[in-house]
């Protein structure tokens, strides 16, 4: 089949872009041709169809979003706002139609653009175009709008219920966890297939090489010092204060926590608060986003490592998220056979924990038992490796590319 992905952005290391890359790999392995269309493209999607107005950061998308969900919503005219959104959608629809027709697409996969209303006009344009063309569509839902606080209060509920997600006979819906599946069914009467995030567990993790063997030195870590890694962005739902609380309780000469991703995605207030908390706990909090990028390169005279260069060196991975759609960083930590401390966020409780994985678990806070368990495991590398092997085998069974291929075969076979 000729299959086209459509999204706001297919670039970087956000969850949507990462999963599209995995789906692309598996679809091509199945013999399908794959095409891309978004407001930003790079990496595997470079060379696709670029339509700037599709990006959630485009000025047109930001303008109506502020009027629909921001402080401006109380001062606006909901009827005029809806008209403006449909006007923008009319302009987007023409290049989208050209993308579909010029590439002779048989199926389109809409990645989160019919799910979270970061670009309202795009959702409306896609809904109208799918209805017009009758094209077979997979709507891949990562973040349903009612799961995010900022979208719950709005002036356009009828519009949201029209397009986020749209309910049309040629659309098959895919959610990434069972909670979203159940909520979509109960709130909108829409059935969906759960396809979780996956990783290529059939391929062994790469060994250390000449490029990344000096990663600990780049962090100024002395031999024997603990390297505790938080491989996430600095945003409040990541629960990084729990990681700080754990580190503060460990019996180690230097209490340090390293965070790989930037702190500006949702403002700097949380980062500043974390720095104050770390100071009171006497933990050194280090942001290393200047050393860790999406891929290896050299910049401004120094080496940039990939996230995969960081994992093999870590003694402990902290993943104390309060909420996750699924958990890519968790799968990556399992892939690299690391010791993992995790907070029992809702999707973990529903779809991951019951499968038999073994982690140090938190229940919203760090207690003595979690700290003691972590300390004991850090002193017992043989036990850690036994746990890591068990977790890897479970992930291979439940979250591999082979699992994704079976599920995609089923979904595509339904058309």
Protein backbone atom coordinates (compact mmCIF):
# COMPACT_ATOMS: atom_id res chain seq x y z
CA UNK A 1 0.00 0.00 0.00
CA UNK A 2 0.94 3.67 -0.41
CA UNK A 3 0.60 5.15 3.07
CA UNK A 4 0.97 8.79 4.10
CA UNK A 5 1.66 10.15 7.58
CA UNK A 6 0.18 13.57 8.40
CA UNK A 7 1.07 15.48 11.57
CA UNK A 8 1.90 18.92 12.94
CA UNK A 9 5.59 18.01 13.32
CA UNK A 10 7.69 15.00 12.34
CA UNK A 11 11.03 16.07 13.74
CA UNK A 12 13.06 15.69 16.91
CA UNK A 13 12.55 13.41 19.92
CA UNK A 14 8.95 14.05 20.96
CA UNK A 15 6.84 10.92 21.47
CA UNK A 16 4.84 11.33 18.26
CA UNK A 17 7.89 11.74 16.03
CA UNK A 18 9.66 8.80 17.67
CA UNK A 19 6.70 6.46 17.23
CA UNK A 20 6.19 7.48 13.59
CA UNK A 21 9.80 6.52 12.92
CA UNK A 22 9.15 3.07 14.42
CA UNK A 23 5.90 2.63 12.48
CA UNK A 24 7.72 3.70 9.31
CA UNK A 25 10.40 1.08 9.82
CA UNK A 26 7.84 -1.68 10.39
CA UNK A 27 5.54 -0.62 7.53
CA UNK A 28 8.45 -0.61 5.08
CA UNK A 29 9.51 -4.01 6.39
CA UNK A 30 5.97 -5.18 5.60
CA UNK A 31 6.42 -3.96 2.01
CA UNK A 32 4.47 -0.69 2.11
CA UNK A 33 5.55 2.68 0.65
CA UNK A 34 5.55 5.56 3.14
CA UNK A 35 5.18 9.33 2.62
CA UNK A 36 5.26 12.27 5.06
CA UNK A 37 3.49 15.60 5.42
CA UNK A 38 3.85 18.03 8.34
CA UNK A 39 4.66 21.58 9.36
CA UNK A 40 8.21 20.56 10.28
CA UNK A 41 10.20 17.66 8.83
CA UNK A 42 13.66 16.25 9.52
CA UNK A 43 15.55 13.00 9.90
CA UNK A 44 13.59 10.06 8.53
CA UNK A 45 10.84 12.44 7.31
CA UNK A 46 13.15 14.87 5.50
CA UNK A 47 12.11 15.29 1.89
CA UNK A 48 8.42 14.92 2.66
CA UNK A 49 5.74 17.50 1.90
CA UNK A 50 6.25 20.59 4.05
CA UNK A 51 3.15 22.70 4.76
CA UNK A 52 4.19 25.33 7.36
CA UNK A 53 0.58 26.07 8.38
CA UNK A 54 0.30 22.54 9.81
CA UNK A 55 2.76 23.30 12.63
CA UNK A 56 1.28 24.08 16.05
CA UNK A 57 3.79 26.94 16.33
CA UNK A 58 2.58 28.64 13.16
CA UNK A 59 1.23 32.11 13.93
CA UNK A 60 -2.23 31.23 12.57
CA UNK A 61 -2.51 28.19 14.86
CA UNK A 62 -1.28 30.12 17.90
CA UNK A 63 -3.70 32.97 17.26
CA UNK A 64 -6.88 30.86 17.32
CA UNK A 65 -5.54 28.62 20.11
CA UNK A 66 -5.09 31.61 22.40
CA UNK A 67 -8.63 32.73 21.66
CA UNK A 68 -10.04 29.24 22.24
CA UNK A 69 -8.08 28.15 25.33
CA UNK A 70 -6.05 31.08 26.65
CA UNK A 71 -6.94 34.14 28.68
CA UNK A 72 -8.39 35.75 25.53
CA UNK A 73 -11.25 33.25 25.42
CA UNK A 74 -13.38 35.29 27.87
CA UNK A 75 -13.19 38.37 25.67
CA UNK A 76 -13.94 36.83 22.30
CA UNK A 77 -16.87 35.93 20.13
CA UNK A 78 -17.13 32.12 19.94
CA UNK A 79 -19.11 32.29 16.69
CA UNK A 80 -16.46 34.48 15.01
CA UNK A 81 -13.68 32.26 16.38
CA UNK A 82 -15.28 29.19 14.87
CA UNK A 83 -15.62 30.98 11.55
CA UNK A 84 -11.96 31.96 11.61
CA UNK A 85 -10.92 28.39 12.33
CA UNK A 86 -12.96 27.06 9.41
CA UNK A 87 -11.48 29.80 7.22
CA UNK A 88 -7.96 28.65 8.09
CA UNK A 89 -9.01 25.05 7.48
CA UNK A 90 -10.14 25.92 3.96
CA UNK A 91 -6.64 27.20 3.18
CA UNK A 92 -4.94 24.10 4.60
CA UNK A 93 -7.24 21.65 2.84
CA UNK A 94 -5.96 22.37 -0.67
CA UNK A 95 -2.27 21.45 -0.10
CA UNK A 96 -3.33 18.44 1.98
CA UNK A 97 -5.53 17.22 -0.88
CA UNK A 98 -2.59 17.67 -3.25
CA UNK A 99 -0.34 15.61 -0.94
CA UNK A 100 -2.85 12.75 -0.92
CA UNK A 101 -3.62 12.81 -4.64
CA UNK A 102 -0.13 13.45 -6.02
CA UNK A 103 1.28 10.52 -4.03
CA UNK A 104 -1.73 8.33 -4.91
CA UNK A 105 -2.18 7.42 -1.26
CA UNK A 106 -4.39 4.50 -0.35
CA UNK A 107 -4.23 5.07 3.43
CA UNK A 108 -3.37 8.08 5.56
CA UNK A 109 -2.21 7.86 9.17
CA UNK A 110 -3.05 11.02 11.11
CA UNK A 111 -0.64 11.37 14.01
CA UNK A 112 -2.28 13.16 16.95
CA UNK A 113 -3.66 15.92 14.71
CA UNK A 114 -7.22 14.59 15.22
CA UNK A 115 -6.49 14.10 18.91
CA UNK A 116 -5.03 17.12 20.68
CA UNK A 117 -6.17 20.54 19.38
CA UNK A 118 -2.77 22.19 19.11
CA UNK A 119 -3.70 23.15 15.54
CA UNK A 120 -7.47 23.54 15.43
CA UNK A 121 -7.66 24.33 11.72
CA UNK A 122 -5.68 21.21 10.83
CA UNK A 123 -8.14 18.96 12.68
CA UNK A 124 -11.09 20.59 10.92
CA UNK A 125 -9.36 20.44 7.51
CA UNK A 126 -8.54 16.76 7.91
CA UNK A 127 -12.06 15.90 9.06
CA UNK A 128 -13.56 17.55 5.99
CA UNK A 129 -11.00 16.06 3.62
CA UNK A 130 -11.41 12.51 4.93
CA UNK A 131 -15.17 12.82 4.51
CA UNK A 132 -14.79 14.32 1.02
CA UNK A 133 -12.32 11.76 -0.32
CA UNK A 134 -13.57 8.75 1.62
CA UNK A 135 -9.95 7.78 2.14
CA UNK A 136 -9.07 4.97 4.53
CA UNK A 137 -7.57 6.58 7.63
CA UNK A 138 -5.85 5.48 10.82
CA UNK A 139 -6.22 8.14 13.51
CA UNK A 140 -3.33 7.51 15.91
CA UNK A 141 -4.17 9.12 19.26
CA UNK A 142 -1.37 9.97 21.68
CA UNK A 143 -2.97 12.73 23.82
CA UNK A 144 -6.76 13.11 23.90
CA UNK A 145 -7.70 16.72 24.57
CA UNK A 146 -9.59 16.07 27.80
CA UNK A 147 -6.41 14.53 29.27
CA UNK A 148 -4.73 17.95 29.26
CA UNK A 149 -5.85 20.61 31.73
CA UNK A 150 -5.26 23.54 29.36
CA UNK A 151 -7.88 22.27 26.87
CA UNK A 152 -10.65 21.39 29.31
CA UNK A 153 -11.97 24.95 29.58
CA UNK A 154 -12.82 26.34 26.16
CA UNK A 155 -15.36 28.15 24.02
CA UNK A 156 -15.53 25.60 21.18
CA UNK A 157 -16.77 22.32 22.63
CA UNK A 158 -18.95 21.56 19.58
CA UNK A 159 -15.96 21.99 17.29
CA UNK A 160 -13.79 19.76 19.48
CA UNK A 161 -16.42 17.05 19.44
CA UNK A 162 -16.57 17.31 15.64
CA UNK A 163 -12.88 16.81 14.92
CA UNK A 164 -10.94 15.77 18.04
CA UNK A 165 -11.34 13.01 17.16
CA UNK A 166 -13.62 12.87 14.14
CA UNK A 167 -16.08 9.98 13.94
CA UNK A 168 -16.29 8.90 10.29
CA UNK A 169 -16.88 5.48 8.69
CA UNK A 170 -13.46 5.35 6.96
CA UNK A 171 -11.47 6.14 10.14
CA UNK A 172 -10.01 3.43 12.34
CA UNK A 173 -8.90 4.73 15.71
CA UNK A 174 -5.73 3.66 17.51
CA UNK A 175 -4.94 4.60 21.12
CA UNK A 176 -1.63 4.00 22.92
CA UNK A 177 -3.06 2.71 26.19
CA UNK A 178 -6.18 1.07 27.59
CA UNK A 179 -7.18 4.10 29.67
CA UNK A 180 -7.46 6.25 26.55
CA UNK A 181 -9.27 3.41 24.80
CA UNK A 182 -11.89 3.22 27.55
CA UNK A 183 -12.30 7.00 27.80
CA UNK A 184 -12.71 7.38 24.04
CA UNK A 185 -15.41 4.73 24.07
CA UNK A 186 -17.28 6.12 27.08
CA UNK A 187 -17.06 9.82 26.12
CA UNK A 188 -17.50 9.62 22.36
CA UNK A 189 -18.77 6.11 21.60
CA UNK A 190 -15.67 5.47 19.46
CA UNK A 191 -14.04 2.03 19.50
CA UNK A 192 -10.27 1.82 19.12
CA UNK A 193 -7.40 -0.64 18.93
CA UNK A 194 -4.63 -0.28 21.53
CA UNK A 195 -1.15 -0.20 20.00
CA UNK A 196 1.38 0.61 22.73
CA UNK A 197 4.68 2.36 22.25
CA UNK A 198 7.30 -0.13 21.09
CA UNK A 199 11.05 -0.56 20.72
CA UNK A 200 13.28 -2.80 18.59
CA UNK A 201 13.98 -5.33 21.33
CA UNK A 202 14.86 -8.02 18.78
CA UNK A 203 18.06 -6.08 18.04
CA UNK A 204 20.59 -6.10 20.88
CA UNK A 205 21.60 -2.71 22.29
CA UNK A 206 24.79 -1.29 20.81
CA UNK A 207 28.01 -1.70 22.83
CA UNK A 208 30.19 1.16 24.00
CA UNK A 209 32.41 2.49 21.24
CA UNK A 210 35.19 5.01 20.73
CA UNK A 211 32.67 7.87 20.44
CA UNK A 212 30.77 7.39 23.70
CA UNK A 213 33.29 5.69 25.95
CA UNK A 214 34.29 9.08 27.41
CA UNK A 215 30.72 10.17 28.24
CA UNK A 216 31.22 9.94 32.02
CA UNK A 217 34.36 12.04 31.71
CA UNK A 218 32.38 14.67 29.78
CA UNK A 219 30.09 14.88 32.85
CA UNK A 220 33.15 15.25 35.13
CA UNK A 221 32.29 12.03 36.93
CA UNK A 222 35.14 10.38 38.78
CA UNK A 223 35.62 6.58 38.62
CA UNK A 224 33.18 4.95 41.04
CA UNK A 225 30.86 7.96 41.33
CA UNK A 226 27.18 7.22 40.84
CA UNK A 227 25.65 8.38 37.56
CA UNK A 228 21.92 8.84 38.17
CA UNK A 229 20.06 9.79 35.00
CA UNK A 230 16.65 11.42 34.48
CA UNK A 231 16.20 11.03 30.67
CA UNK A 232 13.26 13.43 30.24
CA UNK A 233 12.32 17.02 29.65
CA UNK A 234 11.99 19.32 32.66
CA UNK A 235 8.21 19.60 32.92
CA UNK A 236 6.02 19.22 35.97
CA UNK A 237 4.33 15.96 35.04
CA UNK A 238 7.74 14.21 35.06
CA UNK A 239 7.74 14.36 38.88
CA UNK A 240 11.46 15.14 39.08
CA UNK A 241 11.12 16.24 42.70
CA UNK A 242 10.67 12.55 43.56
CA UNK A 243 13.99 11.76 41.88
CA UNK A 244 15.61 14.48 43.99
CA UNK A 245 14.04 13.01 47.13
CA UNK A 246 15.43 9.58 46.29
CA UNK A 247 18.94 10.83 45.55
CA UNK A 248 18.97 12.80 48.80
CA UNK A 249 18.37 9.57 50.75
CA UNK A 250 21.10 7.52 49.09
CA UNK A 251 24.35 6.86 50.94
CA UNK A 252 26.79 8.29 48.43
CA UNK A 253 29.50 10.96 48.84
CA UNK A 254 28.21 13.08 45.94
CA UNK A 255 24.46 13.35 45.55
CA UNK A 256 23.91 14.29 41.90
CA UNK A 257 21.05 14.02 39.41
CA UNK A 258 21.62 14.53 35.68
CA UNK A 259 18.74 15.57 33.37
CA UNK A 260 19.15 15.14 29.62
CA UNK A 261 16.51 17.40 28.07
CA UNK A 262 15.88 21.13 28.09
CA UNK A 263 13.93 23.04 30.70
CA UNK A 264 12.11 25.61 28.56
CA UNK A 265 9.32 23.55 26.93
CA UNK A 266 6.62 24.64 29.39
CA UNK A 267 8.31 27.64 30.98
CA UNK A 268 11.12 27.86 33.52
CA UNK A 269 9.12 28.15 36.73
CA UNK A 270 9.28 24.41 37.48
CA UNK A 271 13.03 24.32 36.79
CA UNK A 272 13.66 27.22 39.18
CA UNK A 273 11.54 25.49 41.83
CA UNK A 274 13.46 22.23 41.35
CA UNK A 275 16.76 24.08 41.79
CA UNK A 276 15.54 25.49 45.11
CA UNK A 277 14.32 22.06 46.24
CA UNK A 278 17.64 20.48 45.24
CA UNK A 279 19.52 23.09 47.24
CA UNK A 280 17.49 22.38 50.37
CA UNK A 281 18.02 18.61 49.89
CA UNK A 282 21.75 19.15 49.22
CA UNK A 283 21.50 17.46 45.83
CA UNK A 284 23.42 18.80 42.84
CA UNK A 285 21.00 19.07 39.93
CA UNK A 286 22.71 19.15 36.54
CA UNK A 287 21.09 19.88 33.18
CA UNK A 288 23.17 18.30 30.40
CA UNK A 289 21.07 19.16 27.37
CA UNK A 290 24.11 21.00 25.95
CA UNK A 291 25.87 17.62 25.71
CA UNK A 292 22.97 15.37 24.70
CA UNK A 293 21.09 15.80 21.42
CA UNK A 294 18.90 13.77 19.10
CA UNK A 295 21.99 12.43 17.31
CA UNK A 296 25.78 12.48 17.49
CA UNK A 297 27.52 15.56 16.08
CA UNK A 298 30.07 18.24 16.86
CA UNK A 299 28.87 21.74 17.75
CA UNK A 300 30.78 24.86 18.80
CA UNK A 301 33.96 22.87 19.11
CA UNK A 302 32.68 20.13 21.41
CA UNK A 303 31.15 16.70 21.05
CA UNK A 304 27.38 16.17 21.19
CA UNK A 305 26.25 12.73 22.31
CA UNK A 306 22.96 11.01 21.57
CA UNK A 307 20.63 9.90 24.35
CA UNK A 308 21.66 6.33 23.55
CA UNK A 309 25.23 7.26 24.46
CA UNK A 310 24.05 8.22 27.95
CA UNK A 311 22.00 5.14 28.90
CA UNK A 312 24.82 2.53 28.93
CA UNK A 313 26.82 4.56 31.45
CA UNK A 314 23.97 5.13 33.92
CA UNK A 315 23.98 3.31 37.27
CA UNK A 316 20.35 4.24 37.86
CA UNK A 317 17.49 5.63 35.75
CA UNK A 318 14.82 7.69 37.51
CA UNK A 319 11.40 7.84 35.86
CA UNK A 320 9.03 9.21 38.53
CA UNK A 321 6.40 10.56 36.14
CA UNK A 322 3.01 11.59 37.45
CA UNK A 323 1.40 11.14 34.03
CA UNK A 324 2.57 9.60 30.74
CA UNK A 325 0.68 8.58 27.60
CA UNK A 326 2.83 5.47 27.67
CA UNK A 327 6.56 5.86 28.41
CA UNK A 328 9.24 5.81 25.71
CA UNK A 329 12.05 6.54 28.15
CA UNK A 330 10.99 3.55 30.23
CA UNK A 331 11.27 1.23 27.22
CA UNK A 332 14.69 2.67 26.41
CA UNK A 333 15.93 2.12 29.97
CA UNK A 334 14.73 -1.48 29.80
CA UNK A 335 16.47 -1.87 26.42
CA UNK A 336 19.81 -0.85 27.95
CA UNK A 337 19.40 -3.19 30.95
CA UNK A 338 19.39 -0.42 33.54
CA UNK A 339 18.22 -0.32 37.16
CA UNK A 340 15.01 1.73 37.10
CA UNK A 341 13.03 3.62 39.74
CA UNK A 342 9.52 4.43 38.58
CA UNK A 343 6.47 6.19 39.95
CA UNK A 344 3.28 4.21 39.45
CA UNK A 345 1.57 6.57 37.00
CA UNK A 346 -1.91 5.55 35.77
CA UNK A 347 -0.92 3.97 32.42
CA UNK A 348 1.88 2.07 34.14
CA UNK A 349 -0.65 0.67 36.63
CA UNK A 350 -3.06 -0.29 33.84
CA UNK A 351 -0.85 -1.61 31.04
CA UNK A 352 2.76 -2.17 32.16
CA UNK A 353 3.08 -3.09 35.81
CA UNK A 354 0.64 -6.04 35.66
CA UNK A 355 2.81 -7.77 33.02
CA UNK A 356 5.39 -8.73 35.62
CA UNK A 357 8.14 -6.14 35.23
CA UNK A 358 10.41 -5.55 38.22
CA UNK A 359 11.32 -1.98 39.16
CA UNK A 360 11.74 0.03 42.34
CA UNK A 361 8.24 1.51 42.57
CA UNK A 362 7.11 4.79 44.12
CA UNK A 363 3.54 5.72 44.99
CA UNK A 364 3.72 9.47 44.56
CA UNK A 365 6.48 9.99 47.14
CA UNK A 366 9.79 8.51 48.26
CA UNK A 367 9.58 6.36 51.38
CA UNK A 368 12.28 4.57 53.38
CA UNK A 369 11.55 1.25 51.71
CA UNK A 370 12.14 2.61 48.19
CA UNK A 371 15.39 4.29 49.24
CA UNK A 372 16.65 1.16 51.02
CA UNK A 373 15.69 -1.07 48.09
CA UNK A 374 17.51 1.21 45.66
CA UNK A 375 20.60 1.34 47.88
CA UNK A 376 20.69 -2.44 48.17
CA UNK A 377 20.39 -2.95 44.41
CA UNK A 378 23.14 -0.43 43.67
CA UNK A 379 25.40 -2.61 45.81
CA UNK A 380 24.35 -5.84 44.04
CA UNK A 381 25.11 -5.60 40.29
CA UNK A 382 24.45 -9.32 39.73
CA UNK A 383 20.91 -8.92 41.04
CA UNK A 384 20.42 -5.82 38.89
CA UNK A 385 21.46 -7.71 35.76
CA UNK A 386 19.12 -10.60 36.57
CA UNK A 387 16.23 -8.15 36.93
CA UNK A 388 17.27 -6.35 33.74
CA UNK A 389 17.31 -9.59 31.73
CA UNK A 390 13.83 -10.47 32.99
CA UNK A 391 12.49 -7.02 32.09
CA UNK A 392 14.07 -7.22 28.64
CA UNK A 393 12.42 -10.56 27.88
CA UNK A 394 9.02 -9.22 28.97
CA UNK A 395 9.46 -6.12 26.81
CA UNK A 396 10.43 -8.32 23.84
CA UNK A 397 7.17 -10.22 24.33
CA UNK A 398 4.85 -7.23 24.77
CA UNK A 399 6.44 -4.08 23.28
CA UNK A 400 8.58 -5.17 20.31
CA UNK A 401 8.49 -4.29 16.62
CA UNK A 402 7.09 -7.78 16.04
CA UNK A 403 4.09 -6.93 18.23
CA UNK A 404 3.61 -3.69 16.28
CA UNK A 405 3.75 -5.54 12.97
CA UNK A 406 1.00 -7.95 14.01
CA UNK A 407 -1.22 -5.11 15.17
CA UNK A 408 -0.66 -3.04 12.03
CA UNK A 409 -1.42 -6.09 9.88
CA UNK A 410 -4.75 -6.41 11.70
CA UNK A 411 -5.66 -2.72 11.40
CA UNK A 412 -4.73 -2.45 7.73
CA UNK A 413 -6.55 -5.71 7.04
CA UNK A 414 -9.78 -4.16 8.30
CA UNK A 415 -9.94 -1.71 5.38
